[in-house]
Amino acid sequence: MHIGHIQLSPAPWGRCIISEPARSTEVLMVLDKPNAPDAGGARLTALSVEAVVLLLKRSGSRQASVDTVRADLAAGAPQNADATINLIAYGAWLVRDLAHREGGHAG
């Protein structure tokens, strides 16, 4: 549950201040009922390419684009049978791919 916008106070101990009530208009991800078709939210295990890009950009990615996700899928990134993407499996694939490119010892 989101209560409001949180700001750090100028005090040296960094006290948090809730400044205003929340007015969330974003789509909620449903994690506790992954099989509920009427849950009203997206599932992290079945997202469109566009939804994956949006989530990655909102989490700070500068390279996320429809083209890069599609290139990853062409390079072997996991995809569900219905052409959706499991964000958790895709994230794990990205980490493994990065480790291989950097000479790491990932699985």
PDB file of N, CA and C in Angstrom:
ATOM      1  N   MET A   1       0.845  -1.178   0.000  1.00  0.00           N
ATOM      2  CA  MET A   1       0.000   0.000   0.000  1.00  0.00           C
ATOM      3  C   MET A   1       0.888   1.238   0.000  1.00  0.00           C
ATOM      4  N   HIS A   2       0.530   2.176  -0.828  1.00  0.00           N
ATOM      5  CA  HIS A   2       1.279   3.425  -0.932  1.00  0.00           C
ATOM      6  C   HIS A   2       0.539   4.497  -0.146  1.00  0.00           C
ATOM      7  N   ILE A   3       1.203   5.124   0.816  1.00  0.00           N
ATOM      8  CA  ILE A   3       0.566   6.113   1.678  1.00  0.00           C
ATOM      9  C   ILE A   3       0.666   7.511   1.086  1.00  0.00           C
ATOM     10  N   GLY A   4       1.795   7.885   0.605  1.00  0.00           N
ATOM     11  CA  GLY A   4       1.993   9.214   0.055  1.00  0.00           C
ATOM     12  C   GLY A   4       3.409   9.371  -0.442  1.00  0.00           C
ATOM     13  N   HIS A   5       3.726  10.552  -0.881  1.00  0.00           N
ATOM     14  CA  HIS A   5       5.089  10.833  -1.324  1.00  0.00           C
ATOM     15  C   HIS A   5       5.983  10.969  -0.101  1.00  0.00           C
ATOM     16  N   ILE A   6       7.143  10.365  -0.170  1.00  0.00           N
ATOM     17  CA  ILE A   6       8.058  10.402   0.963  1.00  0.00           C
ATOM     18  C   ILE A   6       9.237  11.286   0.610  1.00  0.00           C
ATOM     19  N   GLN A   7       9.571  12.189   1.518  1.00  0.00           N
ATOM     20  CA  GLN A   7      10.706  13.076   1.319  1.00  0.00           C
ATOM     21  C   GLN A   7      11.631  12.953   2.517  1.00  0.00           C
ATOM     22  N   LEU A   8      12.912  13.102   2.264  1.00  0.00           N
ATOM     23  CA  LEU A   8      13.876  13.117   3.364  1.00  0.00           C
ATOM     24  C   LEU A   8      13.955  14.529   3.924  1.00  0.00           C
ATOM     25  N   SER A   9      13.960  14.620   5.227  1.00  0.00           N
ATOM     26  CA  SER A   9      14.077  15.936   5.849  1.00  0.00           C
ATOM     27  C   SER A   9      15.530  16.382   5.806  1.00  0.00           C
ATOM     28  N   PRO A  10      15.790  17.673   5.957  1.00  0.00           N
ATOM     29  CA  PRO A  10      17.177  18.153   5.935  1.00  0.00           C
ATOM     30  C   PRO A  10      17.958  17.787   7.193  1.00  0.00           C
ATOM     31  N   ALA A  11      17.309  17.209   8.186  1.00  0.00           N
ATOM     32  CA  ALA A  11      18.002  16.835   9.427  1.00  0.00           C
ATOM     33  C   ALA A  11      19.081  15.795   9.117  1.00  0.00           C
ATOM     34  N   PRO A  12      20.180  15.801   9.836  1.00  0.00           N
ATOM     35  CA  PRO A  12      21.284  14.886   9.542  1.00  0.00           C
ATOM     36  C   PRO A  12      20.921  13.412   9.721  1.00  0.00           C
ATOM     37  N   TRP A  13      19.894  13.106  10.477  1.00  0.00           N
ATOM     38  CA  TRP A  13      19.531  11.712  10.694  1.00  0.00           C
ATOM     39  C   TRP A  13      18.543  11.213   9.639  1.00  0.00           C
ATOM     40  N   GLY A  14      18.171  12.045   8.663  1.00  0.00           N
ATOM     41  CA  GLY A  14      17.370  11.630   7.522  1.00  0.00           C
ATOM     42  C   GLY A  14      15.974  11.160   7.854  1.00  0.00           C
ATOM     43  N   ARG A  15      15.254  11.898   8.665  1.00  0.00           N
ATOM     44  CA  ARG A  15      13.882  11.534   9.006  1.00  0.00           C
ATOM     45  C   ARG A  15      13.006  11.630   7.751  1.00  0.00           C
ATOM     46  N   CYS A  16      12.094  10.679   7.560  1.00  0.00           N
ATOM     47  CA  CYS A  16      11.192  10.685   6.420  1.00  0.00           C
ATOM     48  C   CYS A  16       9.904  11.418   6.761  1.00  0.00           C
ATOM     49  N   ILE A  17       9.391  12.141   5.780  1.00  0.00           N
ATOM     50  CA  ILE A  17       8.149  12.882   5.954  1.00  0.00           C
ATOM     51  C   ILE A  17       7.196  12.469   4.834  1.00  0.00           C
ATOM     52  N   ILE A  18       5.982  12.093   5.184  1.00  0.00           N
ATOM     53  CA  ILE A  18       4.972  11.781   4.174  1.00  0.00           C
ATOM     54  C   ILE A  18       4.262  13.081   3.867  1.00  0.00           C
ATOM     55  N   SER A  19       4.370  13.536   2.631  1.00  0.00           N
ATOM     56  CA  SER A  19       3.950  14.885   2.297  1.00  0.00           C
ATOM     57  C   SER A  19       2.526  15.021   1.781  1.00  0.00           C
ATOM     58  N   GLU A  20       1.977  14.006   1.143  1.00  0.00           N
ATOM     59  CA  GLU A  20       0.623  14.125   0.616  1.00  0.00           C
ATOM     60  C   GLU A  20       0.042  12.738   0.395  1.00  0.00           C
ATOM     61  N   PRO A  21      -1.269  12.621   0.346  1.00  0.00           N
ATOM     62  CA  PRO A  21      -1.877  11.306   0.109  1.00  0.00           C
ATOM     63  C   PRO A  21      -1.523  10.776  -1.278  1.00  0.00           C
ATOM     64  N   ALA A  22      -1.527   9.487  -1.401  1.00  0.00           N
ATOM     65  CA  ALA A  22      -1.205   8.867  -2.690  1.00  0.00           C
ATOM     66  C   ALA A  22      -2.351   9.015  -3.657  1.00  0.00           C
ATOM     67  N   ARG A  23      -1.985   9.207  -4.900  1.00  0.00           N
ATOM     68  CA  ARG A  23      -2.961   9.222  -5.986  1.00  0.00           C
ATOM     69  C   ARG A  23      -2.404   8.332  -7.092  1.00  0.00           C
ATOM     70  N   SER A  24      -2.327   7.062  -6.797  1.00  0.00           N
ATOM     71  CA  SER A  24      -1.704   6.129  -7.736  1.00  0.00           C
ATOM     72  C   SER A  24      -2.621   5.834  -8.903  1.00  0.00           C
ATOM     73  N   THR A  25      -2.084   5.992 -10.113  1.00  0.00           N
ATOM     74  CA  THR A  25      -2.832   5.648 -11.315  1.00  0.00           C
ATOM     75  C   THR A  25      -2.118   4.541 -12.079  1.00  0.00           C
ATOM     76  N   GLU A  26      -1.070   3.969 -11.501  1.00  0.00           N
ATOM     77  CA  GLU A  26      -0.299   2.952 -12.187  1.00  0.00           C
ATOM     78  C   GLU A  26      -0.960   1.583 -12.056  1.00  0.00           C
ATOM     79  N   VAL A  27      -0.649   0.715 -13.002  1.00  0.00           N
ATOM     80  CA  VAL A  27      -1.168  -0.642 -12.981  1.00  0.00           C
ATOM     81  C   VAL A  27      -0.482  -1.401 -11.855  1.00  0.00           C
ATOM     82  N   LEU A  28      -1.266  -2.120 -11.068  1.00  0.00           N
ATOM     83  CA  LEU A  28      -0.721  -2.918  -9.981  1.00  0.00           C
ATOM     84  C   LEU A  28      -0.378  -4.310 -10.488  1.00  0.00           C
ATOM     85  N   MET A  29       0.754  -4.830 -10.062  1.00  0.00           N
ATOM     86  CA  MET A  29       1.123  -6.187 -10.408  1.00  0.00           C
ATOM     87  C   MET A  29       0.530  -7.123  -9.368  1.00  0.00           C
ATOM     88  N   VAL A  30      -0.114  -8.171  -9.801  1.00  0.00           N
ATOM     89  CA  VAL A  30      -0.741  -9.121  -8.894  1.00  0.00           C
ATOM     90  C   VAL A  30       0.232 -10.270  -8.695  1.00  0.00           C
ATOM     91  N   LEU A  31       0.788 -10.380  -7.492  1.00  0.00           N
ATOM     92  CA  LEU A  31       1.742 -11.434  -7.206  1.00  0.00           C
ATOM     93  C   LEU A  31       1.140 -12.542  -6.354  1.00  0.00           C
ATOM     94  N   ASP A  32       0.138 -12.222  -5.540  1.00  0.00           N
ATOM     95  CA  ASP A  32      -0.396 -13.215  -4.619  1.00  0.00           C
ATOM     96  C   ASP A  32      -1.415 -14.149  -5.261  1.00  0.00           C
ATOM     97  N   LYS A  33      -1.978 -13.810  -6.407  1.00  0.00           N
ATOM     98  CA  LYS A  33      -2.961 -14.646  -7.092  1.00  0.00           C
ATOM     99  C   LYS A  33      -2.589 -14.753  -8.566  1.00  0.00           C
ATOM    100  N   PRO A  34      -1.513 -15.487  -8.880  1.00  0.00           N
ATOM    101  CA  PRO A  34      -1.035 -15.506 -10.255  1.00  0.00           C
ATOM    102  C   PRO A  34      -1.992 -16.140 -11.253  1.00  0.00           C
ATOM    103  N   ASN A  35      -2.949 -16.944 -10.807  1.00  0.00           N
ATOM    104  CA  ASN A  35      -3.848 -17.613 -11.734  1.00  0.00           C
ATOM    105  C   ASN A  35      -5.241 -17.006 -11.765  1.00  0.00           C
ATOM    106  N   ALA A  36      -5.436 -15.885 -11.080  1.00  0.00           N
ATOM    107  CA  ALA A  36      -6.759 -15.267 -11.034  1.00  0.00           C
ATOM    108  C   ALA A  36      -6.980 -14.411 -12.272  1.00  0.00           C
ATOM    109  N   PRO A  37      -7.838 -14.851 -13.222  1.00  0.00           N
ATOM    110  CA  PRO A  37      -8.028 -14.074 -14.448  1.00  0.00           C
ATOM    111  C   PRO A  37      -8.718 -12.742 -14.216  1.00  0.00           C
ATOM    112  N   ASP A  38      -9.467 -12.597 -13.140  1.00  0.00           N
ATOM    113  CA  ASP A  38     -10.174 -11.354 -12.864  1.00  0.00           C
ATOM    114  C   ASP A  38      -9.441 -10.473 -11.865  1.00  0.00           C
ATOM    115  N   ALA A  39      -8.161 -10.722 -11.683  1.00  0.00           N
ATOM    116  CA  ALA A  39      -7.392  -9.992 -10.679  1.00  0.00           C
ATOM    117  C   ALA A  39      -7.207  -8.527 -11.043  1.00  0.00           C
ATOM    118  N   GLY A  40      -7.325  -8.164 -12.312  1.00  0.00           N
ATOM    119  CA  GLY A  40      -7.261  -6.768 -12.713  1.00  0.00           C
ATOM    120  C   GLY A  40      -5.864  -6.224 -12.882  1.00  0.00           C
ATOM    121  N   GLY A  41      -4.835  -7.041 -12.803  1.00  0.00           N
ATOM    122  CA  GLY A  41      -3.475  -6.557 -12.954  1.00  0.00           C
ATOM    123  C   GLY A  41      -2.661  -7.489 -13.826  1.00  0.00           C
ATOM    124  N   ALA A  42      -1.505  -7.046 -14.227  1.00  0.00           N
ATOM    125  CA  ALA A  42      -0.616  -7.865 -15.040  1.00  0.00           C
ATOM    126  C   ALA A  42       0.083  -8.880 -14.152  1.00  0.00           C
ATOM    127  N   ARG A  43       0.565  -9.943 -14.764  1.00  0.00           N
ATOM    128  CA  ARG A  43       1.330 -10.951 -14.031  1.00  0.00           C
ATOM    129  C   ARG A  43       2.783 -10.864 -14.474  1.00  0.00           C
ATOM    130  N   LEU A  44       3.691 -10.905 -13.543  1.00  0.00           N
ATOM    131  CA  LEU A  44       5.118 -10.844 -13.870  1.00  0.00           C
ATOM    132  C   LEU A  44       5.571 -12.046 -14.681  1.00  0.00           C
ATOM    133  N   THR A  45       4.775 -13.087 -14.694  1.00  0.00           N
ATOM    134  CA  THR A  45       5.137 -14.290 -15.430  1.00  0.00           C
ATOM    135  C   THR A  45       4.545 -14.336 -16.831  1.00  0.00           C
ATOM    136  N   ALA A  46       3.794 -13.313 -17.221  1.00  0.00           N
ATOM    137  CA  ALA A  46       3.171 -13.301 -18.548  1.00  0.00           C
ATOM    138  C   ALA A  46       2.972 -11.866 -19.026  1.00  0.00           C
ATOM    139  N   LEU A  47       4.075 -11.239 -19.447  1.00  0.00           N
ATOM    140  CA  LEU A  47       4.036  -9.840 -19.882  1.00  0.00           C
ATOM    141  C   LEU A  47       4.333  -9.733 -21.370  1.00  0.00           C
ATOM    142  N   SER A  48       3.763  -8.723 -21.991  1.00  0.00           N
ATOM    143  CA  SER A  48       4.093  -8.433 -23.388  1.00  0.00           C
ATOM    144  C   SER A  48       5.486  -7.804 -23.447  1.00  0.00           C
ATOM    145  N   VAL A  49       6.055  -7.791 -24.631  1.00  0.00           N
ATOM    146  CA  VAL A  49       7.365  -7.154 -24.819  1.00  0.00           C
ATOM    147  C   VAL A  49       7.290  -5.696 -24.373  1.00  0.00           C
ATOM    148  N   GLU A  50       6.230  -5.017 -24.746  1.00  0.00           N
ATOM    149  CA  GLU A  50       6.078  -3.602 -24.403  1.00  0.00           C
ATOM    150  C   GLU A  50       5.996  -3.401 -22.890  1.00  0.00           C
ATOM    151  N   ALA A  51       5.287  -4.296 -22.182  1.00  0.00           N
ATOM    152  CA  ALA A  51       5.183  -4.190 -20.724  1.00  0.00           C
ATOM    153  C   ALA A  51       6.534  -4.432 -20.056  1.00  0.00           C
ATOM    154  N   VAL A  52       7.310  -5.365 -20.595  1.00  0.00           N
ATOM    155  CA  VAL A  52       8.657  -5.627 -20.062  1.00  0.00           C
ATOM    156  C   VAL A  52       9.523  -4.382 -20.224  1.00  0.00           C
ATOM    157  N   VAL A  53       9.479  -3.776 -21.396  1.00  0.00           N
ATOM    158  CA  VAL A  53      10.268  -2.562 -21.646  1.00  0.00           C
ATOM    159  C   VAL A  53       9.852  -1.455 -20.681  1.00  0.00           C
ATOM    160  N   LEU A  54       8.562  -1.260 -20.500  1.00  0.00           N
ATOM    161  CA  LEU A  54       8.066  -0.233 -19.586  1.00  0.00           C
ATOM    162  C   LEU A  54       8.558  -0.466 -18.160  1.00  0.00           C
ATOM    163  N   LEU A  55       8.474  -1.697 -17.683  1.00  0.00           N
ATOM    164  CA  LEU A  55       8.943  -2.001 -16.328  1.00  0.00           C
ATOM    165  C   LEU A  55      10.448  -1.803 -16.192  1.00  0.00           C
ATOM    166  N   LEU A  56      11.206  -2.231 -17.194  1.00  0.00           N
ATOM    167  CA  LEU A  56      12.654  -2.051 -17.139  1.00  0.00           C
ATOM    168  C   LEU A  56      13.031  -0.570 -17.136  1.00  0.00           C
ATOM    169  N   LYS A  57      12.353   0.221 -17.954  1.00  0.00           N
ATOM    170  CA  LYS A  57      12.635   1.664 -17.987  1.00  0.00           C
ATOM    171  C   LYS A  57      12.266   2.326 -16.663  1.00  0.00           C
ATOM    172  N   ARG A  58      11.125   1.939 -16.105  1.00  0.00           N
ATOM    173  CA  ARG A  58      10.715   2.515 -14.823  1.00  0.00           C
ATOM    174  C   ARG A  58      11.639   2.113 -13.681  1.00  0.00           C
ATOM    175  N   SER A  59      12.348   1.003 -13.856  1.00  0.00           N
ATOM    176  CA  SER A  59      13.279   0.581 -12.816  1.00  0.00           C
ATOM    177  C   SER A  59      14.686   1.123 -13.044  1.00  0.00           C
ATOM    178  N   GLY A  60      14.858   1.934 -14.089  1.00  0.00           N
ATOM    179  CA  GLY A  60      16.129   2.616 -14.282  1.00  0.00           C
ATOM    180  C   GLY A  60      16.942   2.213 -15.488  1.00  0.00           C
ATOM    181  N   SER A  61      16.479   1.266 -16.282  1.00  0.00           N
ATOM    182  CA  SER A  61      17.233   0.839 -17.451  1.00  0.00           C
ATOM    183  C   SER A  61      17.267   1.944 -18.503  1.00  0.00           C
ATOM    184  N   ARG A  62      18.447   2.186 -19.046  1.00  0.00           N
ATOM    185  CA  ARG A  62      18.588   3.166 -20.122  1.00  0.00           C
ATOM    186  C   ARG A  62      18.620   2.494 -21.488  1.00  0.00           C
ATOM    187  N   GLN A  63      18.919   1.190 -21.514  1.00  0.00           N
ATOM    188  CA  GLN A  63      19.036   0.480 -22.781  1.00  0.00           C
ATOM    189  C   GLN A  63      17.770  -0.254 -23.181  1.00  0.00           C
ATOM    190  N   ALA A  64      16.789  -0.367 -22.317  1.00  0.00           N
ATOM    191  CA  ALA A  64      15.590  -1.148 -22.621  1.00  0.00           C
ATOM    192  C   ALA A  64      14.813  -0.523 -23.777  1.00  0.00           C
ATOM    193  N   SER A  65      14.509  -1.356 -24.750  1.00  0.00           N
ATOM    194  CA  SER A  65      13.664  -0.940 -25.867  1.00  0.00           C
ATOM    195  C   SER A  65      13.008  -2.193 -26.427  1.00  0.00           C
ATOM    196  N   VAL A  66      11.991  -2.002 -27.213  1.00  0.00           N
ATOM    197  CA  VAL A  66      11.324  -3.135 -27.848  1.00  0.00           C
ATOM    198  C   VAL A  66      12.334  -3.900 -28.705  1.00  0.00           C
ATOM    199  N   ASP A  67      13.185  -3.169 -29.409  1.00  0.00           N
ATOM    200  CA  ASP A  67      14.184  -3.808 -30.271  1.00  0.00           C
ATOM    201  C   ASP A  67      15.182  -4.644 -29.475  1.00  0.00           C
ATOM    202  N   THR A  68      15.651  -4.141 -28.333  1.00  0.00           N
ATOM    203  CA  THR A  68      16.628  -4.907 -27.551  1.00  0.00           C
ATOM    204  C   THR A  68      15.996  -6.151 -26.942  1.00  0.00           C
ATOM    205  N   VAL A  69      14.751  -6.051 -26.475  1.00  0.00           N
ATOM    206  CA  VAL A  69      14.087  -7.237 -25.916  1.00  0.00           C
ATOM    207  C   VAL A  69      13.857  -8.263 -27.022  1.00  0.00           C
ATOM    208  N   ARG A  70      13.419  -7.821 -28.191  1.00  0.00           N
ATOM    209  CA  ARG A  70      13.217  -8.757 -29.304  1.00  0.00           C
ATOM    210  C   ARG A  70      14.536  -9.388 -29.744  1.00  0.00           C
ATOM    211  N   ALA A  71      15.615  -8.624 -29.728  1.00  0.00           N
ATOM    212  CA  ALA A  71      16.931  -9.185 -30.058  1.00  0.00           C
ATOM    213  C   ALA A  71      17.344 -10.223 -29.025  1.00  0.00           C
ATOM    214  N   ASP A  72      17.065  -9.962 -27.755  1.00  0.00           N
ATOM    215  CA  ASP A  72      17.360 -10.944 -26.709  1.00  0.00           C
ATOM    216  C   ASP A  72      16.555 -12.219 -26.915  1.00  0.00           C
ATOM    217  N   LEU A  73      15.283 -12.079 -27.286  1.00  0.00           N
ATOM    218  CA  LEU A  73      14.449 -13.257 -27.552  1.00  0.00           C
ATOM    219  C   LEU A  73      15.016 -14.057 -28.722  1.00  0.00           C
ATOM    220  N   ALA A  74      15.470 -13.361 -29.757  1.00  0.00           N
ATOM    221  CA  ALA A  74      16.073 -14.036 -30.910  1.00  0.00           C
ATOM    222  C   ALA A  74      17.380 -14.724 -30.531  1.00  0.00           C
ATOM    223  N   ALA A  75      18.069 -14.184 -29.507  1.00  0.00           N
ATOM    224  CA  ALA A  75      19.342 -14.749 -29.057  1.00  0.00           C
ATOM    225  C   ALA A  75      19.156 -15.877 -28.041  1.00  0.00           C
ATOM    226  N   GLY A  76      17.901 -16.188 -27.708  1.00  0.00           N
ATOM    227  CA  GLY A  76      17.665 -17.322 -26.816  1.00  0.00           C
ATOM    228  C   GLY A  76      17.049 -17.011 -25.476  1.00  0.00           C
ATOM    229  N   ALA A  77      16.676 -15.767 -25.237  1.00  0.00           N
ATOM    230  CA  ALA A  77      16.009 -15.430 -23.972  1.00  0.00           C
ATOM    231  C   ALA A  77      14.705 -16.220 -23.878  1.00  0.00           C
ATOM    232  N   PRO A  78      14.331 -16.639 -22.672  1.00  0.00           N
ATOM    233  CA  PRO A  78      13.120 -17.460 -22.530  1.00  0.00           C
ATOM    234  C   PRO A  78      11.851 -16.688 -22.845  1.00  0.00           C
ATOM    235  N   GLN A  79      10.904 -17.398 -23.470  1.00  0.00           N
ATOM    236  CA  GLN A  79       9.618 -16.813 -23.811  1.00  0.00           C
ATOM    237  C   GLN A  79       8.553 -17.884 -23.607  1.00  0.00           C
ATOM    238  N   ASN A  80       7.395 -17.480 -23.112  1.00  0.00           N
ATOM    239  CA  ASN A  80       6.289 -18.401 -22.903  1.00  0.00           C
ATOM    240  C   ASN A  80       5.719 -18.847 -24.246  1.00  0.00           C
ATOM    241  N   ALA A  81       4.978 -19.946 -24.248  1.00  0.00           N
ATOM    242  CA  ALA A  81       4.379 -20.484 -25.468  1.00  0.00           C
ATOM    243  C   ALA A  81       3.409 -19.497 -26.120  1.00  0.00           C
ATOM    244  N   ASP A  82       2.798 -18.614 -25.312  1.00  0.00           N
ATOM    245  CA  ASP A  82       1.845 -17.643 -25.867  1.00  0.00           C
ATOM    246  C   ASP A  82       2.523 -16.328 -26.261  1.00  0.00           C
ATOM    247  N   ALA A  83       3.843 -16.334 -26.374  1.00  0.00           N
ATOM    248  CA  ALA A  83       4.661 -15.185 -26.790  1.00  0.00           C
ATOM    249  C   ALA A  83       4.781 -14.105 -25.719  1.00  0.00           C
ATOM    250  N   THR A  84       4.332 -14.378 -24.491  1.00  0.00           N
ATOM    251  CA  THR A  84       4.561 -13.446 -23.390  1.00  0.00           C
ATOM    252  C   THR A  84       5.901 -13.763 -22.749  1.00  0.00           C
ATOM    253  N   ILE A  85       6.323 -12.891 -21.849  1.00  0.00           N
ATOM    254  CA  ILE A  85       7.631 -13.046 -21.209  1.00  0.00           C
ATOM    255  C   ILE A  85       7.458 -13.142 -19.704  1.00  0.00           C
ATOM    256  N   ASN A  86       8.144 -14.105 -19.109  1.00  0.00           N
ATOM    257  CA  ASN A  86       8.223 -14.214 -17.664  1.00  0.00           C
ATOM    258  C   ASN A  86       9.367 -13.292 -17.248  1.00  0.00           C
ATOM    259  N   LEU A  87       9.031 -12.188 -16.591  1.00  0.00           N
ATOM    260  CA  LEU A  87      10.040 -11.185 -16.251  1.00  0.00           C
ATOM    261  C   LEU A  87      11.135 -11.755 -15.351  1.00  0.00           C
ATOM    262  N   ILE A  88      10.782 -12.676 -14.481  1.00  0.00           N
ATOM    263  CA  ILE A  88      11.764 -13.274 -13.568  1.00  0.00           C
ATOM    264  C   ILE A  88      12.751 -14.135 -14.347  1.00  0.00           C
ATOM    265  N   ALA A  89      12.239 -14.978 -15.245  1.00  0.00           N
ATOM    266  CA  ALA A  89      13.108 -15.825 -16.067  1.00  0.00           C
ATOM    267  C   ALA A  89      13.954 -14.971 -17.016  1.00  0.00           C
ATOM    268  N   TYR A  90      13.361 -13.916 -17.570  1.00  0.00           N
ATOM    269  CA  TYR A  90      14.098 -13.028 -18.477  1.00  0.00           C
ATOM    270  C   TYR A  90      15.221 -12.305 -17.727  1.00  0.00           C
ATOM    271  N   GLY A  91      14.927 -11.825 -16.527  1.00  0.00           N
ATOM    272  CA  GLY A  91      15.956 -11.172 -15.716  1.00  0.00           C
ATOM    273  C   GLY A  91      17.104 -12.112 -15.395  1.00  0.00           C
ATOM    274  N   ALA A  92      16.776 -13.360 -15.066  1.00  0.00           N
ATOM    275  CA  ALA A  92      17.821 -14.351 -14.787  1.00  0.00           C
ATOM    276  C   ALA A  92      18.650 -14.621 -16.041  1.00  0.00           C
ATOM    277  N   TRP A  93      17.987 -14.680 -17.193  1.00  0.00           N
ATOM    278  CA  TRP A  93      18.703 -14.885 -18.446  1.00  0.00           C
ATOM    279  C   TRP A  93      19.648 -13.724 -18.724  1.00  0.00           C
ATOM    280  N   LEU A  94      19.193 -12.483 -18.477  1.00  0.00           N
ATOM    281  CA  LEU A  94      20.044 -11.309 -18.693  1.00  0.00           C
ATOM    282  C   LEU A  94      21.291 -11.352 -17.814  1.00  0.00           C
ATOM    283  N   VAL A  95      21.121 -11.733 -16.554  1.00  0.00           N
ATOM    284  CA  VAL A  95      22.263 -11.824 -15.635  1.00  0.00           C
ATOM    285  C   VAL A  95      23.233 -12.894 -16.108  1.00  0.00           C
ATOM    286  N   ARG A  96      22.701 -14.040 -16.512  1.00  0.00           N
ATOM    287  CA  ARG A  96      23.550 -15.131 -16.992  1.00  0.00           C
ATOM    288  C   ARG A  96      24.289 -14.715 -18.263  1.00  0.00           C
ATOM    289  N   ASP A  97      23.582 -14.055 -19.183  1.00  0.00           N
ATOM    290  CA  ASP A  97      24.199 -13.594 -20.423  1.00  0.00           C
ATOM    291  C   ASP A  97      25.312 -12.582 -20.146  1.00  0.00           C
ATOM    292  N   LEU A  98      25.059 -11.655 -19.240  1.00  0.00           N
ATOM    293  CA  LEU A  98      26.071 -10.669 -18.877  1.00  0.00           C
ATOM    294  C   LEU A  98      27.294 -11.338 -18.267  1.00  0.00           C
ATOM    295  N   ALA A  99      27.071 -12.312 -17.397  1.00  0.00           N
ATOM    296  CA  ALA A  99      28.188 -13.025 -16.771  1.00  0.00           C
ATOM    297  C   ALA A  99      29.028 -13.753 -17.825  1.00  0.00           C
ATOM    298  N   HIS A 100      28.369 -14.353 -18.800  1.00  0.00           N
ATOM    299  CA  HIS A 100      29.108 -15.042 -19.867  1.00  0.00           C
ATOM    300  C   HIS A 100      29.913 -14.063 -20.716  1.00  0.00           C
ATOM    301  N   ARG A 101      29.320 -12.907 -21.025  1.00  0.00           N
ATOM    302  CA  ARG A 101      30.031 -11.913 -21.833  1.00  0.00           C
ATOM    303  C   ARG A 101      31.213 -11.323 -21.092  1.00  0.00           C
ATOM    304  N   GLU A 102      31.116 -11.239 -19.771  1.00  0.00           N
ATOM    305  CA  GLU A 102      32.203 -10.672 -18.968  1.00  0.00           C
ATOM    306  C   GLU A 102      33.184 -11.735 -18.490  1.00  0.00           C
ATOM    307  N   GLY A 103      33.004 -12.970 -18.928  1.00  0.00           N
ATOM    308  CA  GLY A 103      33.929 -14.034 -18.568  1.00  0.00           C
ATOM    309  C   GLY A 103      33.680 -14.627 -17.212  1.00  0.00           C
ATOM    310  N   GLY A 104      32.480 -14.455 -16.683  1.00  0.00           N
ATOM    311  CA  GLY A 104      32.144 -15.020 -15.370  1.00  0.00           C
ATOM    312  C   GLY A 104      31.910 -16.513 -15.438  1.00  0.00           C
ATOM    313  N   HIS A 105      31.492 -17.066 -14.329  1.00  0.00           N
ATOM    314  CA  HIS A 105      31.279 -18.502 -14.224  1.00  0.00           C
ATOM    315  C   HIS A 105      29.827 -18.823 -13.922  1.00  0.00           C
ATOM    316  N   ALA A 106      28.886 -18.138 -14.568  1.00  0.00           N
ATOM    317  CA  ALA A 106      27.461 -18.411 -14.331  1.00  0.00           C
ATOM    318  C   ALA A 106      27.068 -19.706 -15.026  1.00  0.00           C
ATOM    319  N   GLY A 107      26.152 -20.436 -14.390  1.00  0.00           N
ATOM    320  CA  GLY A 107      25.606 -21.703 -14.768  1.00  0.00           C
ATOM    321  C   GLY A 107      25.585 -22.090 -16.141  1.00  0.00           C
TER     322      GLY A 107
END
